[in-house]
C-alpha atoms as a PDB file:
ATOM      1  CA  MET A   1      23.590  -1.958 -20.189  1.00  0.00           C
ATOM      2  CA  ASN A   2      27.058  -3.434 -20.635  1.00  0.00           C
ATOM      3  CA  ILE A   3      28.629  -6.855 -20.755  1.00  0.00           C
ATOM      4  CA  ARG A   4      28.851  -7.063 -16.959  1.00  0.00           C
ATOM      5  CA  THR A   5      25.056  -6.886 -16.676  1.00  0.00           C
ATOM      6  CA  TRP A   6      24.315  -9.589 -19.229  1.00  0.00           C
ATOM      7  CA  PRO A   7      24.115 -12.402 -16.632  1.00  0.00           C
ATOM      8  CA  ARG A   8      21.198 -10.549 -15.044  1.00  0.00           C
ATOM      9  CA  MET A   9      19.207 -10.359 -18.271  1.00  0.00           C
ATOM     10  CA  PRO A  10      17.200 -13.576 -17.673  1.00  0.00           C
ATOM     11  CA  LEU A  11      16.064 -12.291 -14.265  1.00  0.00           C
ATOM     12  CA  TRP A  12      15.109  -8.881 -15.687  1.00  0.00           C
ATOM     13  CA  ALA A  13      13.161 -10.594 -18.473  1.00  0.00           C
ATOM     14  CA  TRP A  14      11.388 -12.879 -15.978  1.00  0.00           C
ATOM     15  CA  GLU A  15      10.397  -9.877 -13.856  1.00  0.00           C
ATOM     16  CA  ILE A  16       8.349  -8.496 -16.763  1.00  0.00           C
ATOM     17  CA  LEU A  17       5.778 -11.195 -15.954  1.00  0.00           C
ATOM     18  CA  GLY A  18       5.642 -10.328 -12.268  1.00  0.00           C
ATOM     19  CA  PRO A  19       4.891  -7.452  -9.893  1.00  0.00           C
ATOM     20  CA  THR A  20       8.253  -5.704 -10.384  1.00  0.00           C
ATOM     21  CA  LYS A  21       7.515  -2.051 -11.078  1.00  0.00           C
ATOM     22  CA  SER A  22      10.810  -0.155 -11.021  1.00  0.00           C
ATOM     23  CA  PHE A  23      11.824   1.591 -14.234  1.00  0.00           C
ATOM     24  CA  LYS A  24      15.135   2.363 -12.556  1.00  0.00           C
ATOM     25  CA  LYS A  25      16.207  -1.025 -11.250  1.00  0.00           C
ATOM     26  CA  ASN A  26      15.045  -3.118 -14.197  1.00  0.00           C
ATOM     27  CA  PRO A  27      16.467  -1.714 -17.465  1.00  0.00           C
ATOM     28  CA  LEU A  28      14.080  -3.798 -19.576  1.00  0.00           C
ATOM     29  CA  ILE A  29      10.969  -2.507 -17.806  1.00  0.00           C
ATOM     30  CA  GLY A  30      12.431   1.004 -17.981  1.00  0.00           C
ATOM     31  CA  ASP A  31      13.671   0.843 -21.572  1.00  0.00           C
ATOM     32  CA  PRO A  32      12.115   3.782 -23.516  1.00  0.00           C
ATOM     33  CA  ASP A  33      12.280   1.908 -26.831  1.00  0.00           C
ATOM     34  CA  TRP A  34      10.497  -1.149 -25.452  1.00  0.00           C
ATOM     35  CA  ASN A  35       7.895   1.074 -23.852  1.00  0.00           C
ATOM     36  CA  ARG A  36       7.464   3.058 -27.041  1.00  0.00           C
ATOM     37  CA  ARG A  37       6.610  -0.271 -28.643  1.00  0.00           C
ATOM     38  CA  GLY A  38       4.047  -0.881 -25.883  1.00  0.00           C
ATOM     39  CA  LEU A  39       5.696  -2.951 -23.116  1.00  0.00           C
ATOM     40  CA  HIS A  40       4.334  -0.970 -20.170  1.00  0.00           C
ATOM     41  CA  ARG A  41       0.994  -0.458 -21.894  1.00  0.00           C
ATOM     42  CA  TRP A  42       0.742  -4.236 -22.354  1.00  0.00           C
ATOM     43  CA  ARG A  43       1.635  -4.923 -18.715  1.00  0.00           C
ATOM     44  CA  VAL A  44      -0.982  -2.461 -17.425  1.00  0.00           C
ATOM     45  CA  ALA A  45      -3.771  -3.623 -19.757  1.00  0.00           C
ATOM     46  CA  THR A  46      -3.080  -7.327 -19.235  1.00  0.00           C
ATOM     47  CA  ALA A  47      -2.906  -6.929 -15.455  1.00  0.00           C
ATOM     48  CA  ALA A  48      -6.265  -5.104 -15.492  1.00  0.00           C
ATOM     49  CA  ARG A  49      -7.932  -7.885 -17.506  1.00  0.00           C
ATOM     50  CA  MET A  50      -6.542 -10.550 -15.165  1.00  0.00           C
ATOM     51  CA  ALA A  51      -7.700  -8.556 -12.128  1.00  0.00           C
ATOM     52  CA  ALA A  52     -11.230  -8.259 -13.508  1.00  0.00           C
ATOM     53  CA  SER A  53     -11.349 -12.021 -14.022  1.00  0.00           C
ATOM     54  CA  ARG A  54     -10.146 -12.758 -10.486  1.00  0.00           C
ATOM     55  CA  ARG A  55     -12.508 -10.203  -8.927  1.00  0.00           C
ATOM     56  CA  ALA A  56     -15.462 -11.848 -10.641  1.00  0.00           C
ATOM     57  CA  ARG A  57     -14.582 -15.054  -8.789  1.00  0.00           C
ATOM     58  CA  LEU A  58     -14.169 -13.243  -5.456  1.00  0.00           C
ATOM     59  CA  ALA A  59     -17.347 -11.172  -5.769  1.00  0.00           C
ATOM     60  CA  GLY A  60     -19.641 -13.621  -4.014  1.00  0.00           C
ATOM     61  CA  ARG A  61     -18.030 -12.866  -0.650  1.00  0.00           C
ATOM     62  CA  ILE A  62     -18.944  -9.157  -0.840  1.00  0.00           C
ATOM     63  CA  ASP A  63     -22.353  -7.561  -0.225  1.00  0.00           C
ATOM     64  CA  ALA A  64     -23.823  -6.451  -3.568  1.00  0.00           C
ATOM     65  CA  GLY A  65     -24.342  -2.847  -2.457  1.00  0.00           C
ATOM     66  CA  GLU A  66     -20.799  -2.565  -1.090  1.00  0.00           C
ATOM     67  CA  ARG A  67     -19.433  -4.138  -4.231  1.00  0.00           C
ATOM     68  CA  ALA A  68     -21.244  -1.663  -6.489  1.00  0.00           C
ATOM     69  CA  ALA A  69     -19.912   1.266  -4.452  1.00  0.00           C
ATOM     70  CA  PHE A  70     -16.383  -0.109  -4.627  1.00  0.00           C
ATOM     71  CA  ASP A  71     -16.583  -0.742  -8.364  1.00  0.00           C
ATOM     72  CA  GLU A  72     -17.675   2.873  -8.845  1.00  0.00           C
ATOM     73  CA  ASN A  73     -15.291   4.592  -6.423  1.00  0.00           C
ATOM     74  CA  GLY A  74     -12.349   2.258  -5.783  1.00  0.00           C
ATOM     75  CA  TYR A  75     -12.734   1.875  -2.015  1.00  0.00           C
ATOM     76  CA  PHE A  76     -14.884   0.454   0.770  1.00  0.00           C
ATOM     77  CA  LEU A  77     -15.785   2.794   3.648  1.00  0.00           C
ATOM     78  CA  ILE A  78     -17.406   1.041   6.621  1.00  0.00           C
ATOM     79  CA  PRO A  79     -18.300   3.209   9.665  1.00  0.00           C
ATOM     80  CA  ASP A  80     -18.676   1.483  13.061  1.00  0.00           C
ATOM     81  CA  TYR A  81     -16.896  -1.545  11.667  1.00  0.00           C
ATOM     82  CA  LEU A  82     -16.372  -3.429  14.929  1.00  0.00           C
ATOM     83  CA  PRO A  83     -18.972  -3.935  17.668  1.00  0.00           C
ATOM     84  CA  ALA A  84     -18.412  -1.197  20.260  1.00  0.00           C
ATOM     85  CA  ASP A  85     -17.191  -3.532  23.008  1.00  0.00           C
ATOM     86  CA  LEU A  86     -14.737  -5.295  20.692  1.00  0.00           C
ATOM     87  CA  PHE A  87     -13.395  -1.966  19.424  1.00  0.00           C
ATOM     88  CA  THR A  88     -12.838  -0.798  23.015  1.00  0.00           C
ATOM     89  CA  GLN A  89     -10.968  -4.012  23.799  1.00  0.00           C
ATOM     90  CA  LEU A  90      -8.824  -3.555  20.692  1.00  0.00           C
ATOM     91  CA  ARG A  91      -7.914   0.032  21.541  1.00  0.00           C
ATOM     92  CA  ASN A  92      -7.072  -0.912  25.123  1.00  0.00           C
ATOM     93  CA  ALA A  93      -4.844  -3.760  23.970  1.00  0.00           C
ATOM     94  CA  ILE A  94      -2.991  -1.518  21.514  1.00  0.00           C
ATOM     95  CA  HIS A  95      -2.508   1.385  23.905  1.00  0.00           C
ATOM     96  CA  THR A  96      -1.370  -0.769  26.834  1.00  0.00           C
ATOM     97  CA  GLY A  97       2.329  -1.526  27.195  1.00  0.00           C
ATOM     98  CA  ALA A  98       4.824  -1.295  24.353  1.00  0.00           C
ATOM     99  CA  PHE A  99       5.651  -3.043  21.076  1.00  0.00           C
ATOM    100  CA  SER A 100       8.770  -3.886  19.111  1.00  0.00           C
ATOM    101  CA  ALA A 101       8.677  -1.395  16.249  1.00  0.00           C
ATOM    102  CA  ARG A 102      10.404   0.012  13.166  1.00  0.00           C
ATOM    103  CA  GLU A 103      10.306   3.556  11.854  1.00  0.00           C
ATOM    104  CA  MET A 104      10.802   5.199   8.474  1.00  0.00           C
ATOM    105  CA  ARG A 105      11.261   8.913   7.924  1.00  0.00           C
ATOM    106  CA  GLN A 106      10.016  10.648   4.764  1.00  0.00           C
ATOM    107  CA  GLY A 107      10.622  14.365   5.073  1.00  0.00           C
ATOM    108  CA  THR A 108       8.644  15.713   8.011  1.00  0.00           C
ATOM    109  CA  THR A 109       6.648  12.496   8.439  1.00  0.00           C
ATOM    110  CA  VAL A 110       7.692   9.422  10.394  1.00  0.00           C
ATOM    111  CA  THR A 111       5.790   6.177   9.920  1.00  0.00           C
ATOM    112  CA  ARG A 112       6.048   3.587  12.674  1.00  0.00           C
ATOM    113  CA  MET A 113       5.378  -0.054  11.776  1.00  0.00           C
ATOM    114  CA  THR A 114       4.570  -2.576  14.501  1.00  0.00           C
ATOM    115  CA  PRO A 115       4.551  -6.212  13.299  1.00  0.00           C
ATOM    116  CA  LEU A 116       1.754  -8.411  14.633  1.00  0.00           C
ATOM    117  CA  GLY A 117       3.393 -11.805  14.708  1.00  0.00           C
ATOM    118  CA  PRO A 118       2.290 -14.840  16.726  1.00  0.00           C
ATOM    119  CA  GLY A 119       3.927 -13.513  19.908  1.00  0.00           C
ATOM    120  CA  VAL A 120       1.961 -10.268  19.826  1.00  0.00           C
ATOM    121  CA  GLN A 121      -1.277 -12.106  19.066  1.00  0.00           C
ATOM    122  CA  LYS A 122      -0.703 -14.541  21.938  1.00  0.00           C
ATOM    123  CA  GLU A 123      -0.080 -11.683  24.368  1.00  0.00           C
ATOM    124  CA  ARG A 124      -2.989  -9.613  23.010  1.00  0.00           C
ATOM    125  CA  PRO A 125      -5.487 -12.119  21.556  1.00  0.00           C
ATOM    126  CA  VAL A 126      -8.034  -9.442  20.613  1.00  0.00           C
ATOM    127  CA  ILE A 127      -5.603  -8.207  17.943  1.00  0.00           C
ATOM    128  CA  GLY A 128      -5.428 -11.679  16.423  1.00  0.00           C
ATOM    129  CA  ALA A 129      -9.213 -11.947  16.508  1.00  0.00           C
ATOM    130  CA  VAL A 130      -9.619  -8.700  14.566  1.00  0.00           C
ATOM    131  CA  ILE A 131      -6.955  -9.247  11.893  1.00  0.00           C
ATOM    132  CA  HIS A 132      -8.368 -12.690  11.131  1.00  0.00           C
ATOM    133  CA  ARG A 133     -11.923 -11.449  10.632  1.00  0.00           C
ATOM    134  CA  ARG A 134     -13.138 -12.866   7.348  1.00  0.00           C
ATOM    135  CA  ASP A 135     -15.118  -9.784   6.335  1.00  0.00           C
ATOM    136  CA  MET A 136     -12.006  -7.575   6.502  1.00  0.00           C
ATOM    137  CA  ILE A 137      -9.901 -10.112   4.630  1.00  0.00           C
ATOM    138  CA  ASP A 138     -12.586 -10.568   1.964  1.00  0.00           C
ATOM    139  CA  ARG A 139     -12.645  -6.820   1.280  1.00  0.00           C
ATOM    140  CA  LEU A 140      -8.851  -6.719   1.015  1.00  0.00           C
ATOM    141  CA  ARG A 141      -8.930  -9.659  -1.367  1.00  0.00           C
ATOM    142  CA  TYR A 142     -11.597  -8.135  -3.582  1.00  0.00           C
ATOM    143  CA  ALA A 143      -9.895  -4.725  -3.694  1.00  0.00           C
ATOM    144  CA  GLY A 144      -6.550  -6.341  -4.503  1.00  0.00           C
ATOM    145  CA  SER A 145      -8.150  -8.892  -6.844  1.00  0.00           C
ATOM    146  CA  HIS A 146      -6.366 -11.821  -5.185  1.00  0.00           C
ATOM    147  CA  GLY A 147      -6.992 -14.524  -2.636  1.00  0.00           C
ATOM    148  CA  GLY A 148      -4.528 -15.354   0.070  1.00  0.00           C
ATOM    149  CA  ALA A 149      -3.355 -13.884   3.362  1.00  0.00           C
ATOM    150  CA  PRO A 150      -2.991 -10.097   3.707  1.00  0.00           C
ATOM    151  CA  LEU A 151      -0.151  -8.579   5.698  1.00  0.00           C
ATOM    152  CA  PHE A 152      -1.244  -6.745   8.865  1.00  0.00           C
ATOM    153  CA  PHE A 153       0.615  -4.386  11.196  1.00  0.00           C
ATOM    154  CA  LEU A 154      -0.056  -1.415  13.437  1.00  0.00           C
ATOM    155  CA  GLN A 155       0.826   1.875  11.822  1.00  0.00           C
ATOM    156  CA  THR A 156       1.512   5.161  13.590  1.00  0.00           C
ATOM    157  CA  VAL A 157       1.793   8.229  11.339  1.00  0.00           C
ATOM    158  CA  ILE A 158       3.634  11.114  12.972  1.00  0.00           C
ATOM    159  CA  ALA A 159       3.569  14.359  11.000  1.00  0.00           C
ATOM    160  CA  GLU A 160       5.927  16.854  12.544  1.00  0.00           C
ATOM    161  CA  ALA A 161       5.940  20.633  12.196  1.00  0.00           C
ATOM    162  CA  ALA A 162       6.961  21.699   8.687  1.00  0.00           C
ATOM    163  CA  GLU A 163      10.731  22.061   8.924  1.00  0.00           C
ATOM    164  CA  ARG A 164      11.694  22.694   5.338  1.00  0.00           C
ATOM    165  CA  GLU A 165      15.233  21.402   5.692  1.00  0.00           C
ATOM    166  CA  LYS A 166      13.787  17.919   6.213  1.00  0.00           C
ATOM    167  CA  GLY A 167      12.050  18.050   2.853  1.00  0.00           C
ATOM    168  CA  ALA A 168       8.519  17.211   1.822  1.00  0.00           C
ATOM    169  CA  ASP A 169       6.743  13.954   2.564  1.00  0.00           C
ATOM    170  CA  PRO A 170       6.534  12.181  -0.842  1.00  0.00           C
ATOM    171  CA  GLN A 171       3.337  10.452   0.288  1.00  0.00           C
ATOM    172  CA  THR A 172       1.495  13.786   0.170  1.00  0.00           C
ATOM    173  CA  MET A 173       1.869  13.762  -3.633  1.00  0.00           C
ATOM    174  CA  LEU A 174      -1.019  11.992  -5.335  1.00  0.00           C
ATOM    175  CA  HIS A 175       0.201   8.704  -6.711  1.00  0.00           C
ATOM    176  CA  ALA A 176      -0.641   5.131  -7.705  1.00  0.00           C
ATOM    177  CA  ASP A 177       1.301   2.487  -5.785  1.00  0.00           C
ATOM    178  CA  THR A 178       2.070   0.415  -8.856  1.00  0.00           C
ATOM    179  CA  PHE A 179       0.820  -0.538 -12.323  1.00  0.00           C
ATOM    180  CA  HIS A 180      -1.872  -3.002 -11.239  1.00  0.00           C
ATOM    181  CA  PRO A 181      -4.619  -3.381  -8.595  1.00  0.00           C
ATOM    182  CA  THR A 182      -3.351  -3.792  -5.040  1.00  0.00           C
ATOM    183  CA  SER A 183      -5.130  -3.186  -1.763  1.00  0.00           C
ATOM    184  CA  LYS A 184      -4.564  -1.466   1.563  1.00  0.00           C
ATOM    185  CA  ALA A 185      -6.817  -1.273   4.603  1.00  0.00           C
ATOM    186  CA  TRP A 186      -6.966   1.151   7.502  1.00  0.00           C
ATOM    187  CA  LEU A 187      -9.006   0.585  10.671  1.00  0.00           C
ATOM    188  CA  PHE A 188      -8.740   3.972  12.368  1.00  0.00           C
ATOM    189  CA  LEU A 189      -8.379   3.900  16.146  1.00  0.00           C
ATOM    190  CA  HIS A 190      -9.065   7.635  16.543  1.00  0.00           C
ATOM    191  CA  ASP A 191     -11.155  10.269  14.818  1.00  0.00           C
ATOM    192  CA  VAL A 192      -9.330  11.746  11.808  1.00  0.00           C
ATOM    193  CA  GLY A 193     -10.468  15.251  10.885  1.00  0.00           C
ATOM    194  CA  VAL A 194      -9.851  17.225   7.714  1.00  0.00           C
ATOM    195  CA  ASP A 195      -6.998  19.088   9.458  1.00  0.00           C
ATOM    196  CA  ASP A 196      -5.331  15.895  10.682  1.00  0.00           C
ATOM    197  CA  GLY A 197      -3.601  14.995   7.439  1.00  0.00           C
ATOM    198  CA  PRO A 198      -6.129  12.317   6.424  1.00  0.00           C
ATOM    199  CA  PHE A 199      -5.797   9.760   3.668  1.00  0.00           C
ATOM    200  CA  ALA A 200      -7.185  11.113   0.391  1.00  0.00           C
ATOM    201  CA  TYR A 201      -8.433   9.193  -2.649  1.00  0.00           C
ATOM    202  CA  VAL A 202      -9.489  10.185  -6.144  1.00  0.00           C
ATOM    203  CA  PRO A 203     -12.855   8.442  -6.645  1.00  0.00           C
ATOM    204  CA  GLY A 204     -13.007   6.299  -9.757  1.00  0.00           C
ATOM    205  CA  SER A 205      -9.272   6.527 -10.469  1.00  0.00           C
ATOM    206  CA  HIS A 206      -8.863   2.758 -10.042  1.00  0.00           C
ATOM    207  CA  ARG A 207     -10.599   2.137 -13.353  1.00  0.00           C
ATOM    208  CA  LEU A 208      -8.371   1.626 -16.377  1.00  0.00           C
ATOM    209  CA  THR A 209      -9.935   3.946 -18.945  1.00  0.00           C
ATOM    210  CA  GLU A 210      -8.422   4.509 -22.372  1.00  0.00           C
ATOM    211  CA  LYS A 211      -7.204   7.916 -21.187  1.00  0.00           C
ATOM    212  CA  ARG A 212      -5.530   6.381 -18.133  1.00  0.00           C
ATOM    213  CA  LEU A 213      -3.904   3.718 -20.285  1.00  0.00           C
ATOM    214  CA  GLN A 214      -2.556   6.392 -22.648  1.00  0.00           C
ATOM    215  CA  TRP A 215      -1.283   8.371 -19.658  1.00  0.00           C
ATOM    216  CA  GLU A 216       0.497   5.261 -18.342  1.00  0.00           C
ATOM    217  CA  TYR A 217       2.076   4.824 -21.770  1.00  0.00           C
ATOM    218  CA  GLU A 218       3.314   8.416 -21.829  1.00  0.00           C
ATOM    219  CA  GLN A 219       4.796   8.155 -18.331  1.00  0.00           C
ATOM    220  CA  SER A 220       6.638   4.967 -19.269  1.00  0.00           C
ATOM    221  CA  LEU A 221       8.623   6.726 -21.997  1.00  0.00           C
ATOM    222  CA  THR A 222      10.535   8.912 -19.536  1.00  0.00           C
ATOM    223  CA  ALA A 223      10.046   7.274 -16.122  1.00  0.00           C
ATOM    224  CA  SER A 224      13.539   5.764 -15.917  1.00  0.00           C
ATOM    225  CA  LEU A 225      15.054   9.265 -16.114  1.00  0.00           C
ATOM    226  CA  ASP A 226      12.552  11.036 -13.875  1.00  0.00           C
ATOM    227  CA  THR A 227      14.114  12.986 -10.997  1.00  0.00           C
ATOM    228  CA  ARG A 228      11.241  11.992  -8.683  1.00  0.00           C
ATOM    229  CA  SER A 229      12.563   8.841  -7.057  1.00  0.00           C
ATOM    230  CA  HIS A 230       9.184   7.202  -6.423  1.00  0.00           C
ATOM    231  CA  HIS A 231       7.984   7.990  -9.944  1.00  0.00           C
ATOM    232  CA  ALA A 232      11.106   6.386 -11.414  1.00  0.00           C
ATOM    233  CA  GLN A 233      10.489   3.350  -9.205  1.00  0.00           C
ATOM    234  CA  GLY A 234       7.073   2.870 -10.822  1.00  0.00           C
ATOM    235  CA  SER A 235       4.809   4.642  -8.320  1.00  0.00           C
ATOM    236  CA  PHE A 236       3.619   7.313 -10.739  1.00  0.00           C
ATOM    237  CA  ARG A 237       2.828  10.781  -9.395  1.00  0.00           C
ATOM    238  CA  ILE A 238       0.087  13.021 -10.775  1.00  0.00           C
ATOM    239  CA  ASP A 239      -1.050  16.617 -10.166  1.00  0.00           C
ATOM    240  CA  ALA A 240      -4.380  18.442 -10.422  1.00  0.00           C
ATOM    241  CA  GLU A 241      -3.844  19.242 -14.089  1.00  0.00           C
ATOM    242  CA  GLY A 242      -3.151  15.579 -14.817  1.00  0.00           C
ATOM    243  CA  LEU A 243      -6.333  14.505 -13.028  1.00  0.00           C
ATOM    244  CA  ALA A 244      -8.400  16.963 -15.054  1.00  0.00           C
ATOM    245  CA  ALA A 245      -6.876  15.643 -18.277  1.00  0.00           C
ATOM    246  CA  LEU A 246      -8.034  12.151 -17.267  1.00  0.00           C
ATOM    247  CA  ASP A 247     -11.567  13.431 -16.490  1.00  0.00           C
ATOM    248  CA  LEU A 248     -11.053  12.618 -12.814  1.00  0.00           C
ATOM    249  CA  PRO A 249     -12.351  14.620  -9.830  1.00  0.00           C
ATOM    250  CA  PRO A 250     -10.141  16.184  -7.147  1.00  0.00           C
ATOM    251  CA  PRO A 251      -9.001  13.895  -4.314  1.00  0.00           C
ATOM    252  CA  MET A 252     -11.492  13.312  -1.492  1.00  0.00           C
ATOM    253  CA  PRO A 253     -10.047  13.587   2.030  1.00  0.00           C
ATOM    254  CA  VAL A 254     -11.209  10.566   4.020  1.00  0.00           C
ATOM    255  CA  ALA A 255     -12.054  12.296   7.304  1.00  0.00           C
ATOM    256  CA  VAL A 256     -13.610   9.603   9.478  1.00  0.00           C
ATOM    257  CA  ALA A 257     -14.635   8.740  13.013  1.00  0.00           C
ATOM    258  CA  ALA A 258     -12.786   6.147  15.060  1.00  0.00           C
ATOM    259  CA  ASN A 259     -13.752   2.544  14.243  1.00  0.00           C
ATOM    260  CA  THR A 260     -14.091   3.253  10.523  1.00  0.00           C
ATOM    261  CA  LEU A 261     -12.625   0.708   8.115  1.00  0.00           C
ATOM    262  CA  VAL A 262     -11.343   1.913   4.742  1.00  0.00           C
ATOM    263  CA  VAL A 263     -10.113  -0.555   2.104  1.00  0.00           C
ATOM    264  CA  ALA A 264      -8.838   0.877  -1.181  1.00  0.00           C
ATOM    265  CA  ASP A 265      -7.438  -0.281  -4.496  1.00  0.00           C
ATOM    266  CA  THR A 266      -4.172   1.634  -4.559  1.00  0.00           C
ATOM    267  CA  PHE A 267      -3.853   1.508  -8.338  1.00  0.00           C
ATOM    268  CA  GLY A 268      -6.214   4.439  -7.839  1.00  0.00           C
ATOM    269  CA  PHE A 269      -4.585   7.790  -7.123  1.00  0.00           C
ATOM    270  CA  HIS A 270      -4.247   8.552  -3.422  1.00  0.00           C
ATOM    271  CA  GLY A 271      -1.997  10.219  -0.880  1.00  0.00           C
ATOM    272  CA  ARG A 272      -1.728  11.779   2.550  1.00  0.00           C
ATOM    273  CA  THR A 273      -3.299  15.203   2.875  1.00  0.00           C
ATOM    274  CA  PRO A 274      -0.696  17.723   4.087  1.00  0.00           C
ATOM    275  CA  SER A 275      -1.346  19.181   7.531  1.00  0.00           C
ATOM    276  CA  SER A 276      -0.229  22.611   8.714  1.00  0.00           C
ATOM    277  CA  ARG A 277       0.286  21.364  12.276  1.00  0.00           C
ATOM    278  CA  PRO A 278       1.866  18.367  13.993  1.00  0.00           C
ATOM    279  CA  THR A 279      -0.449  15.356  14.040  1.00  0.00           C
ATOM    280  CA  MET A 280      -0.391  11.704  15.046  1.00  0.00           C
ATOM    281  CA  ARG A 281      -2.744   8.869  14.274  1.00  0.00           C
ATOM    282  CA  VAL A 282      -2.725   5.133  14.963  1.00  0.00           C
ATOM    283  CA  GLU A 283      -4.380   2.596  12.717  1.00  0.00           C
ATOM    284  CA  LEU A 284      -4.551  -1.120  12.140  1.00  0.00           C
ATOM    285  CA  HIS A 285      -3.160  -1.452   8.639  1.00  0.00           C
ATOM    286  CA  GLY A 286      -3.572  -4.244   6.093  1.00  0.00           C
ATOM    287  CA  HIS A 287      -1.747  -4.680   2.815  1.00  0.00           C
ATOM    288  CA  MET A 288      -2.086  -7.070  -0.122  1.00  0.00           C
ATOM    289  CA  ARG A 289      -0.004  -7.227  -3.307  1.00  0.00           C
ATOM    290  CA  ARG A 290       0.499 -10.301  -5.460  1.00  0.00           C
ATOM    291  CA  ASN A 291       1.694 -11.204  -8.970  1.00  0.00           C
ATOM    292  CA  PRO A 292      -0.810  -9.451 -11.276  1.00  0.00           C
ATOM    293  CA  PHE A 293      -0.370 -12.008 -14.038  1.00  0.00           C
ATOM    294  CA  HIS A 294      -1.432 -15.082 -12.068  1.00  0.00           C
ATOM    295  CA  PRO A 295      -4.860 -16.264 -13.244  1.00  0.00           C
ATOM    296  CA  TRP A 296      -5.758 -17.977  -9.978  1.00  0.00           C
ATOM    297  CA  THR A 297      -7.049 -16.541  -6.708  1.00  0.00           C
ATOM    298  CA  GLY A 298      -5.517 -19.226  -4.504  1.00  0.00           C
ATOM    299  CA  LEU A 299      -2.154 -21.021  -4.381  1.00  0.00           C
ATOM    300  CA  ASP A 300      -0.748 -18.360  -2.067  1.00  0.00           C
ATOM    301  CA  VAL A 301       2.473 -19.385  -0.334  1.00  0.00           C
ATOM    302  CA  LYS A 302       1.956 -16.748   2.359  1.00  0.00           C
ATOM    303  CA  SER A 303      -1.287 -18.471   3.365  1.00  0.00           C
ATOM    304  CA  LEU A 304       0.451 -21.687   4.398  1.00  0.00           C
ATOM    305  CA  PRO A 305      -0.159 -22.577   8.058  1.00  0.00           C
ATOM    306  CA  GLY A 306       2.325 -20.881  10.341  1.00  0.00           C
ATOM    307  CA  LEU A 307       3.690 -18.584   7.649  1.00  0.00           C
ATOM    308  CA  GLY A 308       1.108 -15.837   7.101  1.00  0.00           C
ATOM    309  CA  ASP A 309       1.373 -14.266  10.557  1.00  0.00           C
ATOM    310  CA  ARG A 310       5.170 -14.485  10.414  1.00  0.00           C
ATOM    311  CA  ALA A 311       5.586 -13.015   6.919  1.00  0.00           C
ATOM    312  CA  LEU A 312       6.446  -9.497   8.044  1.00  0.00           C
ATOM    313  CA  ASP A 313       8.862 -10.668  10.744  1.00  0.00           C
ATOM    314  CA  LEU A 314      10.608 -12.888   8.186  1.00  0.00           C
ATOM    315  CA  PHE A 315      10.814 -10.033   5.684  1.00  0.00           C
ATOM    316  CA  LEU A 316      12.344  -7.675   8.256  1.00  0.00           C
ATOM    317  CA  ALA A 317      14.832 -10.342   9.330  1.00  0.00           C
ATOM    318  CA  TYR A 318      15.872 -10.727   5.695  1.00  0.00           C
ATOM    319  CA  GLN A 319      16.261  -6.948   5.360  1.00  0.00           C
ATOM    320  CA  ASP A 320      18.454  -6.902   8.482  1.00  0.00           C
ATOM    321  CA  PHE A 321      20.586  -9.733   7.072  1.00  0.00           C
ATOM    322  CA  ARG A 322      21.090  -7.884   3.773  1.00  0.00           C
ATOM    323  CA  GLU A 323      22.146  -4.754   5.626  1.00  0.00           C
ATOM    324  CA  LYS A 324      24.588  -6.590   7.860  1.00  0.00           C
ATOM    325  CA  ARG A 325      26.012  -8.853   5.163  1.00  0.00           C
ATOM    326  CA  PHE A 326      25.959  -6.632   2.079  1.00  0.00           C
ATOM    327  CA  GLY A 327      25.543  -3.105   3.409  1.00  0.00           C
ATOM    328  CA  LYS A 328      22.140  -2.615   1.757  1.00  0.00           C
ATOM    329  CA  ARG A 329      20.578  -0.218   4.255  1.00  0.00           C
ATOM    330  CA  THR A 330      16.923  -0.895   5.054  1.00  0.00           C
ATOM    331  CA  ILE A 331      14.559   2.057   5.232  1.00  0.00           C
ATOM    332  CA  TRP A 332      12.818   0.552   8.278  1.00  0.00           C
ATOM    333  CA  ARG A 333      14.977   1.334  11.296  1.00  0.00           C
ATOM    334  CA  ASP A 334      14.650  -0.734  14.475  1.00  0.00           C
ATOM    335  CA  VAL A 335      13.665   1.592  17.341  1.00  0.00           C
ATOM    336  CA  GLY A 336      13.287  -1.059  20.014  1.00  0.00           C
ATOM    337  CA  THR A 337      10.222  -1.537  22.204  1.00  0.00           C
ATOM    338  CA  VAL A 338       8.122   1.620  22.389  1.00  0.00           C
ATOM    339  CA  PRO A 339       4.539   2.690  23.161  1.00  0.00           C
ATOM    340  CA  ILE A 340       2.363   2.803  20.059  1.00  0.00           C
ATOM    341  CA  ASP A 341       1.702   6.532  20.428  1.00  0.00           C
ATOM    342  CA  SER A 342       5.156   7.713  21.499  1.00  0.00           C
ATOM    343  CA  GLY A 343       6.939  10.441  19.537  1.00  0.00           C
ATOM    344  CA  ALA A 344       9.303   9.737  16.654  1.00  0.00           C
ATOM    345  CA  HIS A 345      12.599   8.045  17.496  1.00  0.00           C
ATOM    346  CA  ILE A 346      14.482   8.728  14.246  1.00  0.00           C
END
């Protein structure tokens, strides 16, 4: 840090009490001396205690058997989630016509994101009916330990043939999304086999054990200098040896039939399983991440009427403005209006 960065110090200090995770962008969060004294350890442990308190207040909305399985493993897995006729209507609506979409490339994998704003829901009301189902939202809230409105979009994952010059997909490395409980949901529209590059999760890795807390502490001492970009940004990577040291099992590939809902706490270690062949899958995707230090489960700005369904569109518009005005390139590239299962456009 130098004198030119001093005006930003209050913001960096304020971010310590929020969801900011980057050891690279925030020099206070990434400071090895502060972390040696326990800053990151405190953030992780405090966030876990707050999450446990909030989950206890959200528990009544979840079936006791499902809740016990989640508390043990870190995810919900619900086969045949939608009634068959509703699932057929949903698939038909998604695979008919085209959608305004964005794409992001990570090595040999392209992820397509299709926002589901009010216009899409008006044109295809079955989509709106599904993403507003209370039982899906309740599971996302419990897994993420927060109330409020999740963010939903259609996600197409296109894994191309392994062309080494494009580099590896960083999402195939086991990782935690951030330092506190967050949640993601996938309603799979097609069967996903073990050779289709399925989502994988390390059962029980969402629990903050003393060994995990010590591991988090050790990572924090060097994260700001780590050559792995995502690791330095606070999404810590781990390998098989690291899992064994934490007394954790190998990752479990989540090979599922169409119409299976998976909701996971992504503080747990997870990733995409590498595939040796080109694959494509389409899923309805939900996401929830809030300030881990808030004690309440409500008071969510994104849940205000008229805002929740527009949140992603507003975020993308802001990203476009930053790119145009300040040259800060967004990773999500606008590819126009395309079919949901078309090939990659970037």
